[in-house]
Amino acid sequence: MARSTGEDAQALFHSLRSAYAATPKNLKIIDLYVAFAVFTALIQVAYMAMVGSFPFNSFLSGILSCTGTAVLAVCLRIQVNKENKEFKDLPPERAYADFVLCNLVLHLVIMNFLG
């Protein structure tokens, strides 16, 4: 039974790898950006756990910045994806402009929260 489970897992990983190989380069770059933002948030949480959270507003600002940026990047990926029929009339330039504008507003709020 464990042998078939291992073979199933290998088949699943192979199919995921082959499907992701067909993904356009711009979507892969956005995926990498999302992974970087989430990884940075995890590093901040680990640092807070080890050192402490004395300036708690700074910790919250950093976490909100990372997670907010990741969420906005996921929204950008959804809008830029050509296979998504819901946003087929939206030009990619508008999606990128929305992303930049929303990031600007997000980081202005975060800087205001820092104090």
N, C-alpha and C. Protein backbone atom coordinates (compact mmCIF):
# COMPACT_ATOMS: atom_id res chain seq x y z
N MET A 1 0.81 -1.20 0.00
CA MET A 1 0.00 0.00 0.00
C MET A 1 0.86 1.26 0.00
N ALA A 2 1.95 1.26 0.74
CA ALA A 2 2.81 2.42 0.79
C ALA A 2 3.51 2.63 -0.55
N ARG A 3 3.76 1.52 -1.26
CA ARG A 3 4.42 1.64 -2.54
C ARG A 3 3.53 2.36 -3.56
N SER A 4 2.26 2.03 -3.59
CA SER A 4 1.35 2.70 -4.52
C SER A 4 1.15 4.16 -4.13
N THR A 5 1.20 4.44 -2.83
CA THR A 5 1.07 5.83 -2.39
C THR A 5 2.27 6.64 -2.84
N GLY A 6 3.45 6.05 -2.76
CA GLY A 6 4.66 6.73 -3.24
C GLY A 6 4.61 6.96 -4.74
N GLU A 7 4.12 5.98 -5.48
CA GLU A 7 4.00 6.14 -6.93
C GLU A 7 2.95 7.19 -7.27
N ASP A 8 1.87 7.23 -6.51
CA ASP A 8 0.85 8.26 -6.73
C ASP A 8 1.41 9.64 -6.46
N ALA A 9 2.20 9.77 -5.41
CA ALA A 9 2.79 11.06 -5.09
C ALA A 9 3.75 11.49 -6.19
N GLN A 10 4.55 10.57 -6.69
CA GLN A 10 5.47 10.90 -7.78
C GLN A 10 4.71 11.31 -9.04
N ALA A 11 3.63 10.63 -9.33
CA ALA A 11 2.82 10.98 -10.50
C ALA A 11 2.19 12.36 -10.33
N LEU A 12 1.75 12.65 -9.12
CA LEU A 12 1.16 13.96 -8.85
C LEU A 12 2.20 15.06 -9.02
N PHE A 13 3.40 14.88 -8.45
CA PHE A 13 4.45 15.88 -8.58
C PHE A 13 4.89 16.04 -10.03
N HIS A 14 4.93 14.95 -10.77
CA HIS A 14 5.32 15.03 -12.17
C HIS A 14 4.27 15.82 -12.97
N SER A 15 2.99 15.56 -12.71
CA SER A 15 1.96 16.29 -13.43
C SER A 15 1.94 17.78 -13.06
N LEU A 16 2.18 18.07 -11.78
CA LEU A 16 2.24 19.47 -11.37
C LEU A 16 3.43 20.18 -12.00
N ARG A 17 4.57 19.50 -12.04
CA ARG A 17 5.77 20.09 -12.64
C ARG A 17 5.57 20.34 -14.13
N SER A 18 4.96 19.41 -14.82
CA SER A 18 4.75 19.58 -16.26
C SER A 18 3.71 20.66 -16.54
N ALA A 19 2.70 20.77 -15.68
CA ALA A 19 1.70 21.83 -15.86
C ALA A 19 2.31 23.19 -15.57
N TYR A 20 3.18 23.28 -14.57
CA TYR A 20 3.80 24.56 -14.23
C TYR A 20 4.84 24.97 -15.27
N ALA A 21 5.40 23.99 -15.98
CA ALA A 21 6.37 24.31 -17.03
C ALA A 21 5.70 25.07 -18.17
N ALA A 22 4.41 24.87 -18.35
CA ALA A 22 3.68 25.57 -19.42
C ALA A 22 3.22 26.97 -18.99
N THR A 23 3.46 27.34 -17.75
CA THR A 23 3.05 28.65 -17.25
C THR A 23 3.93 29.73 -17.86
N PRO A 24 3.34 30.85 -18.29
CA PRO A 24 4.14 31.94 -18.86
C PRO A 24 5.15 32.51 -17.86
N LYS A 25 6.19 33.11 -18.40
CA LYS A 25 7.30 33.61 -17.57
C LYS A 25 6.86 34.73 -16.64
N ASN A 26 5.96 35.62 -17.09
CA ASN A 26 5.54 36.72 -16.22
C ASN A 26 4.76 36.21 -15.01
N LEU A 27 4.01 35.14 -15.16
CA LEU A 27 3.29 34.57 -14.01
C LEU A 27 4.26 33.88 -13.05
N LYS A 28 5.31 33.28 -13.58
CA LYS A 28 6.31 32.67 -12.71
C LYS A 28 7.05 33.72 -11.89
N ILE A 29 7.30 34.88 -12.49
CA ILE A 29 7.95 35.97 -11.76
C ILE A 29 7.05 36.48 -10.65
N ILE A 30 5.76 36.60 -10.92
CA ILE A 30 4.82 37.03 -9.88
C ILE A 30 4.75 35.99 -8.77
N ASP A 31 4.78 34.70 -9.13
CA ASP A 31 4.79 33.64 -8.11
C ASP A 31 6.03 33.73 -7.22
N LEU A 32 7.16 34.02 -7.83
CA LEU A 32 8.39 34.17 -7.06
C LEU A 32 8.31 35.37 -6.12
N TYR A 33 7.70 36.45 -6.57
CA TYR A 33 7.51 37.64 -5.74
C TYR A 33 6.60 37.34 -4.55
N VAL A 34 5.54 36.58 -4.77
CA VAL A 34 4.63 36.19 -3.68
C VAL A 34 5.38 35.31 -2.68
N ALA A 35 6.15 34.37 -3.17
CA ALA A 35 6.91 33.49 -2.27
C ALA A 35 7.92 34.29 -1.46
N PHE A 36 8.55 35.28 -2.07
CA PHE A 36 9.50 36.13 -1.35
C PHE A 36 8.80 36.94 -0.26
N ALA A 37 7.63 37.47 -0.55
CA ALA A 37 6.90 38.26 0.45
C ALA A 37 6.47 37.38 1.63
N VAL A 38 6.00 36.18 1.35
CA VAL A 38 5.60 35.27 2.42
C VAL A 38 6.82 34.82 3.23
N PHE A 39 7.93 34.55 2.56
CA PHE A 39 9.15 34.15 3.25
C PHE A 39 9.66 35.28 4.15
N THR A 40 9.58 36.51 3.68
CA THR A 40 9.99 37.65 4.50
C THR A 40 9.10 37.79 5.73
N ALA A 41 7.81 37.55 5.59
CA ALA A 41 6.91 37.61 6.74
C ALA A 41 7.26 36.52 7.75
N LEU A 42 7.59 35.34 7.26
CA LEU A 42 7.97 34.24 8.17
C LEU A 42 9.27 34.55 8.90
N ILE A 43 10.22 35.18 8.23
CA ILE A 43 11.47 35.58 8.88
C ILE A 43 11.18 36.60 9.98
N GLN A 44 10.28 37.53 9.72
CA GLN A 44 9.94 38.53 10.74
C GLN A 44 9.28 37.89 11.95
N VAL A 45 8.41 36.91 11.73
CA VAL A 45 7.76 36.23 12.85
C VAL A 45 8.80 35.44 13.65
N ALA A 46 9.73 34.78 12.97
CA ALA A 46 10.78 34.04 13.67
C ALA A 46 11.67 34.98 14.47
N TYR A 47 12.00 36.13 13.90
CA TYR A 47 12.82 37.11 14.61
C TYR A 47 12.08 37.62 15.85
N MET A 48 10.80 37.88 15.71
CA MET A 48 10.02 38.35 16.86
C MET A 48 9.97 37.28 17.94
N ALA A 49 9.86 36.02 17.56
CA ALA A 49 9.80 34.93 18.53
C ALA A 49 11.13 34.79 19.28
N MET A 50 12.24 35.04 18.60
CA MET A 50 13.54 34.89 19.24
C MET A 50 13.95 36.12 20.05
N VAL A 51 13.75 37.30 19.51
CA VAL A 51 14.26 38.52 20.12
C VAL A 51 13.22 39.20 20.99
N GLY A 52 11.99 39.20 20.54
CA GLY A 52 10.94 39.90 21.26
C GLY A 52 10.28 40.92 20.36
N SER A 53 9.22 41.49 20.86
CA SER A 53 8.44 42.41 20.02
C SER A 53 8.33 43.77 20.68
N PHE A 54 9.48 44.35 21.08
CA PHE A 54 9.42 45.63 21.79
C PHE A 54 8.73 46.72 20.97
N PRO A 55 9.23 47.07 19.79
CA PRO A 55 8.42 48.03 19.02
C PRO A 55 7.33 47.26 18.25
N PHE A 56 6.23 46.97 18.93
CA PHE A 56 5.20 46.11 18.36
C PHE A 56 4.58 46.72 17.11
N ASN A 57 4.49 48.05 17.05
CA ASN A 57 3.96 48.69 15.84
C ASN A 57 4.84 48.39 14.63
N SER A 58 6.14 48.35 14.84
CA SER A 58 7.05 48.04 13.73
C SER A 58 6.86 46.60 13.27
N PHE A 59 6.70 45.69 14.22
CA PHE A 59 6.46 44.29 13.85
C PHE A 59 5.17 44.16 13.06
N LEU A 60 4.10 44.77 13.56
CA LEU A 60 2.82 44.68 12.85
C LEU A 60 2.91 45.34 11.48
N SER A 61 3.61 46.43 11.38
CA SER A 61 3.76 47.10 10.08
C SER A 61 4.49 46.20 9.08
N GLY A 62 5.53 45.55 9.54
CA GLY A 62 6.28 44.66 8.66
C GLY A 62 5.45 43.48 8.19
N ILE A 63 4.73 42.88 9.12
CA ILE A 63 3.88 41.73 8.76
C ILE A 63 2.77 42.16 7.81
N LEU A 64 2.12 43.29 8.11
CA LEU A 64 1.05 43.78 7.23
C LEU A 64 1.57 44.16 5.86
N SER A 65 2.77 44.71 5.82
CA SER A 65 3.37 45.05 4.53
C SER A 65 3.61 43.81 3.68
N CYS A 66 4.17 42.78 4.30
CA CYS A 66 4.47 41.55 3.56
C CYS A 66 3.20 40.84 3.11
N THR A 67 2.25 40.67 4.02
CA THR A 67 1.03 39.96 3.65
C THR A 67 0.18 40.77 2.68
N GLY A 68 0.11 42.07 2.87
CA GLY A 68 -0.65 42.91 1.94
C GLY A 68 -0.06 42.89 0.55
N THR A 69 1.26 42.95 0.47
CA THR A 69 1.92 42.89 -0.83
C THR A 69 1.70 41.53 -1.49
N ALA A 70 1.73 40.47 -0.71
CA ALA A 70 1.50 39.13 -1.27
C ALA A 70 0.07 39.01 -1.80
N VAL A 71 -0.88 39.52 -1.04
CA VAL A 71 -2.28 39.46 -1.49
C VAL A 71 -2.49 40.27 -2.76
N LEU A 72 -1.90 41.46 -2.81
CA LEU A 72 -2.03 42.28 -4.02
C LEU A 72 -1.35 41.61 -5.22
N ALA A 73 -0.24 40.93 -4.98
CA ALA A 73 0.44 40.23 -6.08
C ALA A 73 -0.38 39.04 -6.57
N VAL A 74 -1.06 38.36 -5.67
CA VAL A 74 -1.94 37.26 -6.10
C VAL A 74 -3.08 37.81 -6.94
N CYS A 75 -3.63 38.94 -6.53
CA CYS A 75 -4.69 39.58 -7.33
C CYS A 75 -4.17 39.98 -8.71
N LEU A 76 -2.93 40.48 -8.76
CA LEU A 76 -2.31 40.82 -10.04
C LEU A 76 -2.16 39.58 -10.91
N ARG A 77 -1.74 38.47 -10.30
CA ARG A 77 -1.57 37.23 -11.06
C ARG A 77 -2.88 36.76 -11.64
N ILE A 78 -3.95 36.89 -10.88
CA ILE A 78 -5.26 36.48 -11.37
C ILE A 78 -5.68 37.34 -12.55
N GLN A 79 -5.41 38.64 -12.48
CA GLN A 79 -5.83 39.55 -13.55
C GLN A 79 -4.99 39.41 -14.80
N VAL A 80 -3.70 39.09 -14.65
CA VAL A 80 -2.80 39.03 -15.80
C VAL A 80 -2.87 37.68 -16.52
N ASN A 81 -3.35 36.66 -15.83
CA ASN A 81 -3.42 35.32 -16.41
C ASN A 81 -4.34 35.31 -17.64
N LYS A 82 -3.79 34.87 -18.77
CA LYS A 82 -4.56 34.86 -20.02
C LYS A 82 -5.68 33.83 -20.01
N GLU A 83 -5.52 32.76 -19.22
CA GLU A 83 -6.52 31.71 -19.19
C GLU A 83 -7.74 32.08 -18.36
N ASN A 84 -7.65 33.14 -17.59
CA ASN A 84 -8.76 33.57 -16.75
C ASN A 84 -9.76 34.33 -17.63
N LYS A 85 -10.93 33.79 -17.79
CA LYS A 85 -11.94 34.38 -18.69
C LYS A 85 -12.62 35.60 -18.06
N GLU A 86 -12.54 35.71 -16.74
CA GLU A 86 -13.23 36.80 -16.05
C GLU A 86 -12.62 38.17 -16.35
N PHE A 87 -11.30 38.21 -16.58
CA PHE A 87 -10.61 39.47 -16.80
C PHE A 87 -10.05 39.55 -18.22
N LYS A 88 -10.71 38.93 -19.18
CA LYS A 88 -10.17 38.91 -20.54
C LYS A 88 -10.21 40.28 -21.21
N ASP A 89 -11.14 41.16 -20.79
CA ASP A 89 -11.22 42.49 -21.39
C ASP A 89 -10.29 43.50 -20.72
N LEU A 90 -9.68 43.13 -19.61
CA LEU A 90 -8.80 44.03 -18.87
C LEU A 90 -7.40 43.97 -19.46
N PRO A 91 -6.87 45.11 -19.91
CA PRO A 91 -5.50 45.08 -20.44
C PRO A 91 -4.49 44.87 -19.31
N PRO A 92 -3.38 44.19 -19.59
CA PRO A 92 -2.38 43.94 -18.54
C PRO A 92 -1.78 45.22 -17.96
N GLU A 93 -1.69 46.26 -18.78
CA GLU A 93 -1.14 47.52 -18.29
C GLU A 93 -2.00 48.10 -17.17
N ARG A 94 -3.30 47.95 -17.31
CA ARG A 94 -4.21 48.44 -16.26
C ARG A 94 -4.05 47.63 -14.99
N ALA A 95 -3.87 46.32 -15.13
CA ALA A 95 -3.68 45.47 -13.95
C ALA A 95 -2.40 45.85 -13.22
N TYR A 96 -1.31 46.09 -13.96
CA TYR A 96 -0.06 46.50 -13.32
C TYR A 96 -0.19 47.89 -12.68
N ALA A 97 -0.90 48.79 -13.34
CA ALA A 97 -1.11 50.13 -12.76
C ALA A 97 -1.93 50.04 -11.48
N ASP A 98 -2.96 49.20 -11.47
CA ASP A 98 -3.74 49.00 -10.24
C ASP A 98 -2.87 48.44 -9.13
N PHE A 99 -2.00 47.50 -9.48
CA PHE A 99 -1.10 46.90 -8.49
C PHE A 99 -0.18 47.96 -7.88
N VAL A 100 0.39 48.79 -8.72
CA VAL A 100 1.30 49.83 -8.22
C VAL A 100 0.55 50.83 -7.35
N LEU A 101 -0.62 51.26 -7.79
CA LEU A 101 -1.41 52.22 -7.02
C LEU A 101 -1.84 51.65 -5.68
N CYS A 102 -2.31 50.42 -5.67
CA CYS A 102 -2.73 49.79 -4.41
C CYS A 102 -1.54 49.58 -3.47
N ASN A 103 -0.38 49.24 -4.01
CA ASN A 103 0.81 49.12 -3.17
C ASN A 103 1.21 50.46 -2.59
N LEU A 104 1.07 51.51 -3.37
CA LEU A 104 1.38 52.85 -2.87
C LEU A 104 0.46 53.21 -1.70
N VAL A 105 -0.81 52.98 -1.86
CA VAL A 105 -1.77 53.28 -0.78
C VAL A 105 -1.49 52.40 0.43
N LEU A 106 -1.23 51.12 0.22
CA LEU A 106 -0.93 50.20 1.32
C LEU A 106 0.28 50.67 2.11
N HIS A 107 1.33 51.04 1.44
CA HIS A 107 2.55 51.42 2.15
C HIS A 107 2.44 52.82 2.78
N LEU A 108 1.62 53.68 2.23
CA LEU A 108 1.37 54.96 2.91
C LEU A 108 0.63 54.73 4.22
N VAL A 109 -0.32 53.83 4.22
CA VAL A 109 -1.05 53.49 5.46
C VAL A 109 -0.10 52.84 6.47
N ILE A 110 0.77 51.97 5.98
CA ILE A 110 1.70 51.30 6.88
C ILE A 110 2.70 52.29 7.47
N MET A 111 3.18 53.22 6.67
CA MET A 111 4.09 54.24 7.22
C MET A 111 3.39 55.12 8.23
N ASN A 112 2.13 55.39 8.02
CA ASN A 112 1.37 56.17 9.00
C ASN A 112 1.18 55.37 10.28
N PHE A 113 1.03 54.07 10.18
CA PHE A 113 0.84 53.21 11.35
C PHE A 113 2.12 53.13 12.19
N LEU A 114 3.27 53.28 11.55
CA LEU A 114 4.55 53.22 12.28
C LEU A 114 4.61 54.32 13.36
N GLY A 115 4.00 55.43 13.08
CA GLY A 115 3.98 56.50 14.09
C GLY A 115 4.90 57.55 13.72
